[in-house]
Amino acid sequence: MKTSDLPSPTKGAYQRTRNLRNNMTKAEWKLWGNIRNKQLSIRFRRQHPIENYIVDFIALKIGLVIEIDGAQHCENRIEEKDKIRTRYLEELGLKVIRFNNYEVLTNIDGIIAEIIMIIEEMDKK
């Protein structure tokens, strides 16, 4: 998959992307430190815009999106928006996996192992 295979970002998404890259959470920084520069044998981008959405991390080559959710994602309103967003991304052919901040901050090795397993499964397809 290439960026050109995905819907073009809106102007607002580009502006929000820059802000999000400059203000990543501790959990996002921790995961980014473990997946950047092809450390998992595949290139990830961070805070990547897709139409009006911005995904935390994406491996375009295999179409894998990783989202890191803070505590606010447990609220019903936000949780419903996340479901709509996930459905939309899956309709584009992307696989979306989610972890919460606490998991990333306390079990980064387990998170990385799970991501590696998913990458290997997706690479087989």
PDB file of N, CA and C in Angstrom:
ATOM      1  N   MET A   1       0.855  -1.178   0.000  1.00  0.00           N
ATOM      2  CA  MET A   1       0.000   0.000   0.000  1.00  0.00           C
ATOM      3  C   MET A   1       0.895   1.234   0.000  1.00  0.00           C
ATOM      4  N   LYS A   2       0.481   2.245  -0.726  1.00  0.00           N
ATOM      5  CA  LYS A   2       1.203   3.505  -0.789  1.00  0.00           C
ATOM      6  C   LYS A   2       0.294   4.611  -0.269  1.00  0.00           C
ATOM      7  N   THR A   3       0.915   5.717   0.095  1.00  0.00           N
ATOM      8  CA  THR A   3       0.134   6.869   0.537  1.00  0.00           C
ATOM      9  C   THR A   3      -0.887   7.252  -0.523  1.00  0.00           C
ATOM     10  N   SER A   4      -0.503   7.137  -1.788  1.00  0.00           N
ATOM     11  CA  SER A   4      -1.416   7.516  -2.875  1.00  0.00           C
ATOM     12  C   SER A   4      -2.623   6.583  -2.977  1.00  0.00           C
ATOM     13  N   ASP A   5      -2.557   5.415  -2.336  1.00  0.00           N
ATOM     14  CA  ASP A   5      -3.693   4.490  -2.325  1.00  0.00           C
ATOM     15  C   ASP A   5      -4.768   4.918  -1.325  1.00  0.00           C
ATOM     16  N   LEU A   6      -4.427   5.837  -0.447  1.00  0.00           N
ATOM     17  CA  LEU A   6      -5.345   6.279   0.606  1.00  0.00           C
ATOM     18  C   LEU A   6      -5.958   7.626   0.240  1.00  0.00           C
ATOM     19  N   PRO A   7      -7.132   7.942   0.799  1.00  0.00           N
ATOM     20  CA  PRO A   7      -7.737   9.253   0.544  1.00  0.00           C
ATOM     21  C   PRO A   7      -6.806  10.383   0.979  1.00  0.00           C
ATOM     22  N   SER A   8      -6.777  11.443   0.215  1.00  0.00           N
ATOM     23  CA  SER A   8      -5.914  12.588   0.523  1.00  0.00           C
ATOM     24  C   SER A   8      -6.332  13.246   1.828  1.00  0.00           C
ATOM     25  N   PRO A   9      -5.346  13.695   2.599  1.00  0.00           N
ATOM     26  CA  PRO A   9      -5.664  14.388   3.850  1.00  0.00           C
ATOM     27  C   PRO A   9      -6.300  15.751   3.589  1.00  0.00           C
ATOM     28  N   THR A  10      -7.143  16.167   4.499  1.00  0.00           N
ATOM     29  CA  THR A  10      -7.703  17.512   4.422  1.00  0.00           C
ATOM     30  C   THR A  10      -6.646  18.503   4.903  1.00  0.00           C
ATOM     31  N   LYS A  11      -6.841  19.767   4.587  1.00  0.00           N
ATOM     32  CA  LYS A  11      -5.908  20.805   5.031  1.00  0.00           C
ATOM     33  C   LYS A  11      -5.838  20.830   6.561  1.00  0.00           C
ATOM     34  N   GLY A  12      -6.984  20.694   7.194  1.00  0.00           N
ATOM     35  CA  GLY A  12      -7.023  20.689   8.656  1.00  0.00           C
ATOM     36  C   GLY A  12      -6.254  19.524   9.254  1.00  0.00           C
ATOM     37  N   ALA A  13      -6.296  18.378   8.578  1.00  0.00           N
ATOM     38  CA  ALA A  13      -5.568  17.202   9.072  1.00  0.00           C
ATOM     39  C   ALA A  13      -4.067  17.456   9.035  1.00  0.00           C
ATOM     40  N   TYR A  14      -3.581  18.102   7.976  1.00  0.00           N
ATOM     41  CA  TYR A  14      -2.153  18.424   7.896  1.00  0.00           C
ATOM     42  C   TYR A  14      -1.723  19.307   9.062  1.00  0.00           C
ATOM     43  N   GLN A  15      -2.532  20.306   9.379  1.00  0.00           N
ATOM     44  CA  GLN A  15      -2.197  21.213  10.474  1.00  0.00           C
ATOM     45  C   GLN A  15      -2.202  20.482  11.813  1.00  0.00           C
ATOM     46  N   ARG A  16      -3.195  19.630  12.037  1.00  0.00           N
ATOM     47  CA  ARG A  16      -3.265  18.867  13.288  1.00  0.00           C
ATOM     48  C   ARG A  16      -2.117  17.865  13.393  1.00  0.00           C
ATOM     49  N   THR A  17      -1.704  17.304  12.251  1.00  0.00           N
ATOM     50  CA  THR A  17      -0.601  16.344  12.237  1.00  0.00           C
ATOM     51  C   THR A  17       0.661  16.966  12.808  1.00  0.00           C
ATOM     52  N   ARG A  18       0.991  18.141  12.348  1.00  0.00           N
ATOM     53  CA  ARG A  18       2.192  18.829  12.824  1.00  0.00           C
ATOM     54  C   ARG A  18       2.119  19.039  14.334  1.00  0.00           C
ATOM     55  N   ASN A  19       0.973  19.469  14.814  1.00  0.00           N
ATOM     56  CA  ASN A  19       0.794  19.696  16.246  1.00  0.00           C
ATOM     57  C   ASN A  19       0.931  18.393  17.033  1.00  0.00           C
ATOM     58  N   LEU A  20       0.321  17.322  16.535  1.00  0.00           N
ATOM     59  CA  LEU A  20       0.390  16.037  17.234  1.00  0.00           C
ATOM     60  C   LEU A  20       1.810  15.480  17.260  1.00  0.00           C
ATOM     61  N   ARG A  21       2.560  15.654  16.187  1.00  0.00           N
ATOM     62  CA  ARG A  21       3.951  15.180  16.165  1.00  0.00           C
ATOM     63  C   ARG A  21       4.797  15.909  17.193  1.00  0.00           C
ATOM     64  N   ASN A  22       4.491  17.180  17.399  1.00  0.00           N
ATOM     65  CA  ASN A  22       5.252  17.974  18.365  1.00  0.00           C
ATOM     66  C   ASN A  22       4.791  17.764  19.798  1.00  0.00           C
ATOM     67  N   ASN A  23       3.655  17.110  19.992  1.00  0.00           N
ATOM     68  CA  ASN A  23       3.093  16.943  21.336  1.00  0.00           C
ATOM     69  C   ASN A  23       2.670  15.500  21.600  1.00  0.00           C
ATOM     70  N   MET A  24       3.531  14.551  21.252  1.00  0.00           N
ATOM     71  CA  MET A  24       3.194  13.144  21.463  1.00  0.00           C
ATOM     72  C   MET A  24       3.168  12.832  22.961  1.00  0.00           C
ATOM     73  N   THR A  25       2.321  11.868  23.338  1.00  0.00           N
ATOM     74  CA  THR A  25       2.239  11.447  24.735  1.00  0.00           C
ATOM     75  C   THR A  25       3.464  10.607  25.086  1.00  0.00           C
ATOM     76  N   LYS A  26       3.674  10.384  26.384  1.00  0.00           N
ATOM     77  CA  LYS A  26       4.789   9.534  26.824  1.00  0.00           C
ATOM     78  C   LYS A  26       4.679   8.143  26.214  1.00  0.00           C
ATOM     79  N   ALA A  27       3.470   7.616  26.175  1.00  0.00           N
ATOM     80  CA  ALA A  27       3.267   6.274  25.613  1.00  0.00           C
ATOM     81  C   ALA A  27       3.593   6.260  24.121  1.00  0.00           C
ATOM     82  N   GLU A  28       3.174   7.287  23.397  1.00  0.00           N
ATOM     83  CA  GLU A  28       3.482   7.357  21.966  1.00  0.00           C
ATOM     84  C   GLU A  28       4.991   7.440  21.741  1.00  0.00           C
ATOM     85  N   TRP A  29       5.678   8.259  22.548  1.00  0.00           N
ATOM     86  CA  TRP A  29       7.137   8.364  22.422  1.00  0.00           C
ATOM     87  C   TRP A  29       7.809   7.029  22.722  1.00  0.00           C
ATOM     88  N   LYS A  30       7.319   6.344  23.734  1.00  0.00           N
ATOM     89  CA  LYS A  30       7.924   5.062  24.108  1.00  0.00           C
ATOM     90  C   LYS A  30       7.775   4.052  22.973  1.00  0.00           C
ATOM     91  N   LEU A  31       6.582   3.953  22.403  1.00  0.00           N
ATOM     92  CA  LEU A  31       6.385   3.020  21.300  1.00  0.00           C
ATOM     93  C   LEU A  31       7.195   3.459  20.082  1.00  0.00           C
ATOM     94  N   TRP A  32       7.175   4.743  19.759  1.00  0.00           N
ATOM     95  CA  TRP A  32       7.912   5.255  18.611  1.00  0.00           C
ATOM     96  C   TRP A  32       9.406   4.918  18.734  1.00  0.00           C
ATOM     97  N   GLY A  33       9.946   5.023  19.928  1.00  0.00           N
ATOM     98  CA  GLY A  33      11.351   4.691  20.148  1.00  0.00           C
ATOM     99  C   GLY A  33      11.672   3.238  19.847  1.00  0.00           C
ATOM    100  N   ASN A  34      10.661   2.385  19.865  1.00  0.00           N
ATOM    101  CA  ASN A  34      10.852   0.955  19.614  1.00  0.00           C
ATOM    102  C   ASN A  34      10.483   0.517  18.202  1.00  0.00           C
ATOM    103  N   ILE A  35       9.810   1.365  17.444  1.00  0.00           N
ATOM    104  CA  ILE A  35       9.387   0.939  16.097  1.00  0.00           C
ATOM    105  C   ILE A  35       9.973   1.795  14.980  1.00  0.00           C
ATOM    106  N   ARG A  36      10.609   2.909  15.312  1.00  0.00           N
ATOM    107  CA  ARG A  36      11.125   3.788  14.267  1.00  0.00           C
ATOM    108  C   ARG A  36      12.354   3.188  13.595  1.00  0.00           C
ATOM    109  N   ASN A  37      12.727   3.731  12.476  1.00  0.00           N
ATOM    110  CA  ASN A  37      13.928   3.324  11.734  1.00  0.00           C
ATOM    111  C   ASN A  37      13.973   1.838  11.417  1.00  0.00           C
ATOM    112  N   LYS A  38      12.840   1.275  11.077  1.00  0.00           N
ATOM    113  CA  LYS A  38      12.736  -0.133  10.662  1.00  0.00           C
ATOM    114  C   LYS A  38      13.237  -1.117  11.728  1.00  0.00           C
ATOM    115  N   GLN A  39      13.113  -0.766  12.994  1.00  0.00           N
ATOM    116  CA  GLN A  39      13.561  -1.661  14.060  1.00  0.00           C
ATOM    117  C   GLN A  39      12.782  -2.973  14.068  1.00  0.00           C
ATOM    118  N   LEU A  40      11.575  -2.970  13.518  1.00  0.00           N
ATOM    119  CA  LEU A  40      10.776  -4.192  13.442  1.00  0.00           C
ATOM    120  C   LEU A  40      10.762  -4.721  12.012  1.00  0.00           C
ATOM    121  N   SER A  41      11.764  -4.365  11.236  1.00  0.00           N
ATOM    122  CA  SER A  41      11.939  -4.798   9.848  1.00  0.00           C
ATOM    123  C   SER A  41      10.957  -4.149   8.877  1.00  0.00           C
ATOM    124  N   ILE A  42      10.224  -3.189   9.332  1.00  0.00           N
ATOM    125  CA  ILE A  42       9.255  -2.509   8.472  1.00  0.00           C
ATOM    126  C   ILE A  42       9.198  -1.032   8.876  1.00  0.00           C
ATOM    127  N   ARG A  43       8.967  -0.159   7.917  1.00  0.00           N
ATOM    128  CA  ARG A  43       8.950   1.280   8.201  1.00  0.00           C
ATOM    129  C   ARG A  43       7.585   1.725   8.705  1.00  0.00           C
ATOM    130  N   PHE A  44       7.609   2.422   9.826  1.00  0.00           N
ATOM    131  CA  PHE A  44       6.400   3.039  10.370  1.00  0.00           C
ATOM    132  C   PHE A  44       6.503   4.548  10.222  1.00  0.00           C
ATOM    133  N   ARG A  45       5.362   5.173  10.022  1.00  0.00           N
ATOM    134  CA  ARG A  45       5.246   6.628  10.067  1.00  0.00           C
ATOM    135  C   ARG A  45       4.446   6.976  11.312  1.00  0.00           C
ATOM    136  N   ARG A  46       4.699   8.150  11.857  1.00  0.00           N
ATOM    137  CA  ARG A  46       3.939   8.568  13.038  1.00  0.00           C
ATOM    138  C   ARG A  46       3.024   9.726  12.685  1.00  0.00           C
ATOM    139  N   GLN A  47       1.884   9.761  13.372  1.00  0.00           N
ATOM    140  CA  GLN A  47       0.900  10.834  13.187  1.00  0.00           C
ATOM    141  C   GLN A  47       0.666  11.078  11.695  1.00  0.00           C
ATOM    142  N   HIS A  48       0.165  10.055  11.033  1.00  0.00           N
ATOM    143  CA  HIS A  48      -0.023  10.091   9.577  1.00  0.00           C
ATOM    144  C   HIS A  48      -1.479  10.424   9.234  1.00  0.00           C
ATOM    145  N   PRO A  49      -1.702  11.471   8.409  1.00  0.00           N
ATOM    146  CA  PRO A  49      -3.074  11.862   8.062  1.00  0.00           C
ATOM    147  C   PRO A  49      -3.677  10.982   6.967  1.00  0.00           C
ATOM    148  N   ILE A  50      -4.917  10.591   7.168  1.00  0.00           N
ATOM    149  CA  ILE A  50      -5.710   9.877   6.166  1.00  0.00           C
ATOM    150  C   ILE A  50      -7.063  10.578   6.124  1.00  0.00           C
ATOM    151  N   GLU A  51      -7.297  11.327   5.072  1.00  0.00           N
ATOM    152  CA  GLU A  51      -8.483  12.165   4.919  1.00  0.00           C
ATOM    153  C   GLU A  51      -8.569  13.103   6.120  1.00  0.00           C
ATOM    154  N   ASN A  52      -9.616  12.998   6.949  1.00  0.00           N
ATOM    155  CA  ASN A  52      -9.744  13.888   8.098  1.00  0.00           C
ATOM    156  C   ASN A  52      -9.245  13.237   9.390  1.00  0.00           C
ATOM    157  N   TYR A  53      -8.746  12.022   9.294  1.00  0.00           N
ATOM    158  CA  TYR A  53      -8.246  11.299  10.464  1.00  0.00           C
ATOM    159  C   TYR A  53      -6.724  11.352  10.509  1.00  0.00           C
ATOM    160  N   ILE A  54      -6.187  11.206  11.706  1.00  0.00           N
ATOM    161  CA  ILE A  54      -4.740  11.096  11.880  1.00  0.00           C
ATOM    162  C   ILE A  54      -4.490   9.851  12.711  1.00  0.00           C
ATOM    163  N   VAL A  55      -3.770   8.901  12.131  1.00  0.00           N
ATOM    164  CA  VAL A  55      -3.469   7.669  12.862  1.00  0.00           C
ATOM    165  C   VAL A  55      -2.150   7.859  13.600  1.00  0.00           C
ATOM    166  N   ASP A  56      -2.034   7.240  14.773  1.00  0.00           N
ATOM    167  CA  ASP A  56      -0.814   7.398  15.564  1.00  0.00           C
ATOM    168  C   ASP A  56       0.397   6.855  14.813  1.00  0.00           C
ATOM    169  N   PHE A  57       0.299   5.612  14.329  1.00  0.00           N
ATOM    170  CA  PHE A  57       1.401   4.984  13.600  1.00  0.00           C
ATOM    171  C   PHE A  57       0.836   4.142  12.466  1.00  0.00           C
ATOM    172  N   ILE A  58       1.559   4.101  11.347  1.00  0.00           N
ATOM    173  CA  ILE A  58       1.121   3.275  10.225  1.00  0.00           C
ATOM    174  C   ILE A  58       2.332   2.674   9.520  1.00  0.00           C
ATOM    175  N   ALA A  59       2.221   1.403   9.182  1.00  0.00           N
ATOM    176  CA  ALA A  59       3.186   0.729   8.314  1.00  0.00           C
ATOM    177  C   ALA A  59       2.477   0.579   6.971  1.00  0.00           C
ATOM    178  N   LEU A  60       2.739   1.489   6.065  1.00  0.00           N
ATOM    179  CA  LEU A  60       2.028   1.518   4.785  1.00  0.00           C
ATOM    180  C   LEU A  60       2.246   0.249   3.978  1.00  0.00           C
ATOM    181  N   LYS A  61       3.450  -0.306   4.037  1.00  0.00           N
ATOM    182  CA  LYS A  61       3.775  -1.479   3.223  1.00  0.00           C
ATOM    183  C   LYS A  61       2.788  -2.620   3.435  1.00  0.00           C
ATOM    184  N   ILE A  62       2.356  -2.806   4.693  1.00  0.00           N
ATOM    185  CA  ILE A  62       1.424  -3.903   4.977  1.00  0.00           C
ATOM    186  C   ILE A  62       0.045  -3.404   5.397  1.00  0.00           C
ATOM    187  N   GLY A  63      -0.128  -2.096   5.522  1.00  0.00           N
ATOM    188  CA  GLY A  63      -1.435  -1.544   5.884  1.00  0.00           C
ATOM    189  C   GLY A  63      -1.801  -1.751   7.339  1.00  0.00           C
ATOM    190  N   LEU A  64      -0.810  -1.613   8.237  1.00  0.00           N
ATOM    191  CA  LEU A  64      -1.045  -1.794   9.673  1.00  0.00           C
ATOM    192  C   LEU A  64      -1.071  -0.445  10.371  1.00  0.00           C
ATOM    193  N   VAL A  65      -2.151  -0.190  11.094  1.00  0.00           N
ATOM    194  CA  VAL A  65      -2.308   1.031  11.885  1.00  0.00           C
ATOM    195  C   VAL A  65      -2.244   0.653  13.358  1.00  0.00           C
ATOM    196  N   ILE A  66      -1.451   1.408  14.126  1.00  0.00           N
ATOM    197  CA  ILE A  66      -1.380   1.216  15.575  1.00  0.00           C
ATOM    198  C   ILE A  66      -1.886   2.491  16.230  1.00  0.00           C
ATOM    199  N   GLU A  67      -2.873   2.333  17.100  1.00  0.00           N
ATOM    200  CA  GLU A  67      -3.432   3.461  17.842  1.00  0.00           C
ATOM    201  C   GLU A  67      -3.125   3.282  19.325  1.00  0.00           C
ATOM    202  N   ILE A  68      -2.712   4.369  19.967  1.00  0.00           N
ATOM    203  CA  ILE A  68      -2.459   4.378  21.402  1.00  0.00           C
ATOM    204  C   ILE A  68      -3.546   5.239  22.034  1.00  0.00           C
ATOM    205  N   ASP A  69      -4.338   4.629  22.909  1.00  0.00           N
ATOM    206  CA  ASP A  69      -5.488   5.314  23.490  1.00  0.00           C
ATOM    207  C   ASP A  69      -5.232   5.737  24.930  1.00  0.00           C
ATOM    208  N   GLY A  70      -5.554   6.988  25.225  1.00  0.00           N
ATOM    209  CA  GLY A  70      -5.504   7.484  26.590  1.00  0.00           C
ATOM    210  C   GLY A  70      -6.794   7.151  27.319  1.00  0.00           C
ATOM    211  N   ALA A  71      -6.878   7.556  28.567  1.00  0.00           N
ATOM    212  CA  ALA A  71      -8.039   7.243  29.409  1.00  0.00           C
ATOM    213  C   ALA A  71      -9.339   7.798  28.831  1.00  0.00           C
ATOM    214  N   GLN A  72      -9.267   8.920  28.112  1.00  0.00           N
ATOM    215  CA  GLN A  72     -10.482   9.529  27.552  1.00  0.00           C
ATOM    216  C   GLN A  72     -11.168   8.619  26.543  1.00  0.00           C
ATOM    217  N   HIS A  73     -10.454   7.643  25.996  1.00  0.00           N
ATOM    218  CA  HIS A  73     -11.050   6.741  25.007  1.00  0.00           C
ATOM    219  C   HIS A  73     -12.015   5.748  25.645  1.00  0.00           C
ATOM    220  N   CYS A  74     -12.082   5.722  26.972  1.00  0.00           N
ATOM    221  CA  CYS A  74     -13.040   4.854  27.664  1.00  0.00           C
ATOM    222  C   CYS A  74     -14.416   5.508  27.771  1.00  0.00           C
ATOM    223  N   GLU A  75     -14.488   6.808  27.507  1.00  0.00           N
ATOM    224  CA  GLU A  75     -15.776   7.499  27.545  1.00  0.00           C
ATOM    225  C   GLU A  75     -16.631   7.017  26.377  1.00  0.00           C
ATOM    226  N   ASN A  76     -17.921   6.827  26.624  1.00  0.00           N
ATOM    227  CA  ASN A  76     -18.825   6.287  25.599  1.00  0.00           C
ATOM    228  C   ASN A  76     -18.789   7.060  24.285  1.00  0.00           C
ATOM    229  N   ARG A  77     -18.796   8.374  24.381  1.00  0.00           N
ATOM    230  CA  ARG A  77     -18.815   9.222  23.185  1.00  0.00           C
ATOM    231  C   ARG A  77     -17.544   9.014  22.355  1.00  0.00           C
ATOM    232  N   ILE A  78     -16.411   8.997  23.015  1.00  0.00           N
ATOM    233  CA  ILE A  78     -15.125   8.812  22.330  1.00  0.00           C
ATOM    234  C   ILE A  78     -15.005   7.384  21.811  1.00  0.00           C
ATOM    235  N   GLU A  79     -15.453   6.432  22.615  1.00  0.00           N
ATOM    236  CA  GLU A  79     -15.389   5.026  22.214  1.00  0.00           C
ATOM    237  C   GLU A  79     -16.196   4.792  20.932  1.00  0.00           C
ATOM    238  N   GLU A  80     -17.355   5.433  20.826  1.00  0.00           N
ATOM    239  CA  GLU A  80     -18.179   5.294  19.623  1.00  0.00           C
ATOM    240  C   GLU A  80     -17.478   5.915  18.412  1.00  0.00           C
ATOM    241  N   LYS A  81     -16.852   7.082  18.606  1.00  0.00           N
ATOM    242  CA  LYS A  81     -16.104   7.709  17.513  1.00  0.00           C
ATOM    243  C   LYS A  81     -14.949   6.815  17.069  1.00  0.00           C
ATOM    244  N   ASP A  82     -14.285   6.170  18.033  1.00  0.00           N
ATOM    245  CA  ASP A  82     -13.186   5.251  17.706  1.00  0.00           C
ATOM    246  C   ASP A  82     -13.681   4.086  16.855  1.00  0.00           C
ATOM    247  N   LYS A  83     -14.869   3.574  17.173  1.00  0.00           N
ATOM    248  CA  LYS A  83     -15.433   2.457  16.403  1.00  0.00           C
ATOM    249  C   LYS A  83     -15.720   2.882  14.965  1.00  0.00           C
ATOM    250  N   ILE A  84     -16.288   4.067  14.801  1.00  0.00           N
ATOM    251  CA  ILE A  84     -16.592   4.586  13.459  1.00  0.00           C
ATOM    252  C   ILE A  84     -15.293   4.773  12.670  1.00  0.00           C
ATOM    253  N   ARG A  85     -14.321   5.355  13.315  1.00  0.00           N
ATOM    254  CA  ARG A  85     -13.014   5.591  12.686  1.00  0.00           C
ATOM    255  C   ARG A  85     -12.346   4.277  12.294  1.00  0.00           C
ATOM    256  N   THR A  86     -12.379   3.293  13.192  1.00  0.00           N
ATOM    257  CA  THR A  86     -11.779   1.983  12.913  1.00  0.00           C
ATOM    258  C   THR A  86     -12.473   1.318  11.734  1.00  0.00           C
ATOM    259  N   ARG A  87     -13.800   1.360  11.719  1.00  0.00           N
ATOM    260  CA  ARG A  87     -14.550   0.786  10.591  1.00  0.00           C
ATOM    261  C   ARG A  87     -14.138   1.434   9.269  1.00  0.00           C
ATOM    262  N   TYR A  88     -14.035   2.749   9.284  1.00  0.00           N
ATOM    263  CA  TYR A  88     -13.646   3.482   8.079  1.00  0.00           C
ATOM    264  C   TYR A  88     -12.253   3.043   7.608  1.00  0.00           C
ATOM    265  N   LEU A  89     -11.302   2.981   8.521  1.00  0.00           N
ATOM    266  CA  LEU A  89      -9.938   2.586   8.161  1.00  0.00           C
ATOM    267  C   LEU A  89      -9.896   1.148   7.649  1.00  0.00           C
ATOM    268  N   GLU A  90     -10.693   0.276   8.267  1.00  0.00           N
ATOM    269  CA  GLU A  90     -10.747  -1.118   7.814  1.00  0.00           C
ATOM    270  C   GLU A  90     -11.372  -1.223   6.422  1.00  0.00           C
ATOM    271  N   GLU A  91     -12.338  -0.354   6.124  1.00  0.00           N
ATOM    272  CA  GLU A  91     -12.936  -0.335   4.782  1.00  0.00           C
ATOM    273  C   GLU A  91     -11.914   0.075   3.719  1.00  0.00           C
ATOM    274  N   LEU A  92     -10.884   0.802   4.136  1.00  0.00           N
ATOM    275  CA  LEU A  92      -9.808   1.189   3.224  1.00  0.00           C
ATOM    276  C   LEU A  92      -8.794   0.059   3.043  1.00  0.00           C
ATOM    277  N   GLY A  93      -8.983  -1.032   3.792  1.00  0.00           N
ATOM    278  CA  GLY A  93      -8.066  -2.167   3.698  1.00  0.00           C
ATOM    279  C   GLY A  93      -6.973  -2.168   4.744  1.00  0.00           C
ATOM    280  N   LEU A  94      -7.094  -1.309   5.754  1.00  0.00           N
ATOM    281  CA  LEU A  94      -6.095  -1.236   6.816  1.00  0.00           C
ATOM    282  C   LEU A  94      -6.492  -2.128   7.988  1.00  0.00           C
ATOM    283  N   LYS A  95      -5.496  -2.670   8.670  1.00  0.00           N
ATOM    284  CA  LYS A  95      -5.736  -3.417   9.908  1.00  0.00           C
ATOM    285  C   LYS A  95      -5.400  -2.472  11.053  1.00  0.00           C
ATOM    286  N   VAL A  96      -6.318  -2.319  11.988  1.00  0.00           N
ATOM    287  CA  VAL A  96      -6.143  -1.390  13.103  1.00  0.00           C
ATOM    288  C   VAL A  96      -6.000  -2.179  14.395  1.00  0.00           C
ATOM    289  N   ILE A  97      -4.916  -1.913  15.132  1.00  0.00           N
ATOM    290  CA  ILE A  97      -4.764  -2.497  16.466  1.00  0.00           C
ATOM    291  C   ILE A  97      -4.634  -1.353  17.466  1.00  0.00           C
ATOM    292  N   ARG A  98      -5.152  -1.591  18.667  1.00  0.00           N
ATOM    293  CA  ARG A  98      -5.177  -0.551  19.691  1.00  0.00           C
ATOM    294  C   ARG A  98      -4.544  -1.048  20.980  1.00  0.00           C
ATOM    295  N   PHE A  99      -3.810  -0.160  21.611  1.00  0.00           N
ATOM    296  CA  PHE A  99      -3.259  -0.405  22.935  1.00  0.00           C
ATOM    297  C   PHE A  99      -3.567   0.833  23.764  1.00  0.00           C
ATOM    298  N   ASN A 100      -3.683   0.665  25.074  1.00  0.00           N
ATOM    299  CA  ASN A 100      -3.880   1.855  25.896  1.00  0.00           C
ATOM    300  C   ASN A 100      -2.535   2.333  26.442  1.00  0.00           C
ATOM    301  N   ASN A 101      -2.508   3.574  26.880  1.00  0.00           N
ATOM    302  CA  ASN A 101      -1.274   4.180  27.389  1.00  0.00           C
ATOM    303  C   ASN A 101      -0.623   3.325  28.464  1.00  0.00           C
ATOM    304  N   TYR A 102      -1.430   2.843  29.395  1.00  0.00           N
ATOM    305  CA  TYR A 102      -0.900   2.065  30.515  1.00  0.00           C
ATOM    306  C   TYR A 102      -0.168   0.824  30.021  1.00  0.00           C
ATOM    307  N   GLU A 103      -0.764   0.114  29.060  1.00  0.00           N
ATOM    308  CA  GLU A 103      -0.122  -1.092  28.507  1.00  0.00           C
ATOM    309  C   GLU A 103       1.244  -0.756  27.917  1.00  0.00           C
ATOM    310  N   VAL A 104       1.302   0.310  27.154  1.00  0.00           N
ATOM    311  CA  VAL A 104       2.556   0.689  26.499  1.00  0.00           C
ATOM    312  C   VAL A 104       3.604   1.076  27.533  1.00  0.00           C
ATOM    313  N   LEU A 105       3.200   1.835  28.532  1.00  0.00           N
ATOM    314  CA  LEU A 105       4.157   2.311  29.531  1.00  0.00           C
ATOM    315  C   LEU A 105       4.640   1.211  30.471  1.00  0.00           C
ATOM    316  N   THR A 106       3.828   0.191  30.694  1.00  0.00           N
ATOM    317  CA  THR A 106       4.201  -0.847  31.668  1.00  0.00           C
ATOM    318  C   THR A 106       4.592  -2.180  31.045  1.00  0.00           C
ATOM    319  N   ASN A 107       4.302  -2.381  29.764  1.00  0.00           N
ATOM    320  CA  ASN A 107       4.575  -3.679  29.142  1.00  0.00           C
ATOM    321  C   ASN A 107       5.031  -3.510  27.692  1.00  0.00           C
ATOM    322  N   ILE A 108       6.020  -2.658  27.478  1.00  0.00           N
ATOM    323  CA  ILE A 108       6.451  -2.377  26.106  1.00  0.00           C
ATOM    324  C   ILE A 108       6.972  -3.634  25.415  1.00  0.00           C
ATOM    325  N   ASP A 109       7.647  -4.513  26.143  1.00  0.00           N
ATOM    326  CA  ASP A 109       8.162  -5.743  25.524  1.00  0.00           C
ATOM    327  C   ASP A 109       7.025  -6.624  25.020  1.00  0.00           C
ATOM    328  N   GLY A 110       5.959  -6.732  25.798  1.00  0.00           N
ATOM    329  CA  GLY A 110       4.792  -7.509  25.380  1.00  0.00           C
ATOM    330  C   GLY A 110       4.102  -6.887  24.177  1.00  0.00           C
ATOM    331  N   ILE A 111       4.017  -5.566  24.165  1.00  0.00           N
ATOM    332  CA  ILE A 111       3.402  -4.843  23.045  1.00  0.00           C
ATOM    333  C   ILE A 111       4.217  -5.077  21.772  1.00  0.00           C
ATOM    334  N   ILE A 112       5.529  -4.943  21.877  1.00  0.00           N
ATOM    335  CA  ILE A 112       6.400  -5.143  20.714  1.00  0.00           C
ATOM    336  C   ILE A 112       6.280  -6.575  20.208  1.00  0.00           C
ATOM    337  N   ALA A 113       6.242  -7.545  21.119  1.00  0.00           N
ATOM    338  CA  ALA A 113       6.094  -8.954  20.716  1.00  0.00           C
ATOM    339  C   ALA A 113       4.789  -9.158  19.952  1.00  0.00           C
ATOM    340  N   GLU A 114       3.715  -8.534  20.428  1.00  0.00           N
ATOM    341  CA  GLU A 114       2.424  -8.656  19.747  1.00  0.00           C
ATOM    342  C   GLU A 114       2.463  -8.010  18.361  1.00  0.00           C
ATOM    343  N   ILE A 115       3.093  -6.851  18.262  1.00  0.00           N
ATOM    344  CA  ILE A 115       3.203  -6.172  16.968  1.00  0.00           C
ATOM    345  C   ILE A 115       4.024  -7.017  15.994  1.00  0.00           C
ATOM    346  N   ILE A 116       5.119  -7.590  16.469  1.00  0.00           N
ATOM    347  CA  ILE A 116       5.949  -8.447  15.613  1.00  0.00           C
ATOM    348  C   ILE A 116       5.135  -9.628  15.096  1.00  0.00           C
ATOM    349  N   MET A 117       4.355 -10.240  15.974  1.00  0.00           N
ATOM    350  CA  MET A 117       3.526 -11.380  15.576  1.00  0.00           C
ATOM    351  C   MET A 117       2.523 -10.963  14.482  1.00  0.00           C
ATOM    352  N   ILE A 118       1.908  -9.811  14.650  1.00  0.00           N
ATOM    353  CA  ILE A 118       0.937  -9.319  13.669  1.00  0.00           C
ATOM    354  C   ILE A 118       1.628  -9.008  12.343  1.00  0.00           C
ATOM    355  N   ILE A 119       2.808  -8.388  12.401  1.00  0.00           N
ATOM    356  CA  ILE A 119       3.563  -8.092  11.173  1.00  0.00           C
ATOM    357  C   ILE A 119       3.878  -9.382  10.429  1.00  0.00           C
ATOM    358  N   GLU A 120       4.334 -10.391  11.158  1.00  0.00           N
ATOM    359  CA  GLU A 120       4.667 -11.674  10.525  1.00  0.00           C
ATOM    360  C   GLU A 120       3.440 -12.305   9.873  1.00  0.00           C
ATOM    361  N   GLU A 121       2.297 -12.249  10.555  1.00  0.00           N
ATOM    362  CA  GLU A 121       1.052 -12.784   9.985  1.00  0.00           C
ATOM    363  C   GLU A 121       0.658 -12.026   8.720  1.00  0.00           C
ATOM    364  N   MET A 122       0.762 -10.703   8.766  1.00  0.00           N
ATOM    365  CA  MET A 122       0.370  -9.884   7.619  1.00  0.00           C
ATOM    366  C   MET A 122       1.340 -10.054   6.453  1.00  0.00           C
ATOM    367  N   ASP A 123       2.611 -10.253   6.756  1.00  0.00           N
ATOM    368  CA  ASP A 123       3.616 -10.455   5.706  1.00  0.00           C
ATOM    369  C   ASP A 123       3.376 -11.740   4.931  1.00  0.00           C
ATOM    370  N   LYS A 124       2.768 -12.732   5.586  1.00  0.00           N
ATOM    371  CA  LYS A 124       2.490 -14.018   4.937  1.00  0.00           C
ATOM    372  C   LYS A 124       1.393 -13.896   3.888  1.00  0.00           C
ATOM    373  N   LYS A 125       0.536 -12.888   4.036  1.00  0.00           N
ATOM    374  CA  LYS A 125      -0.616 -12.734   3.133  1.00  0.00           C
ATOM    375  C   LYS A 125      -0.239 -12.076   1.836  1.00  0.00           C
TER     376      LYS A 125
END
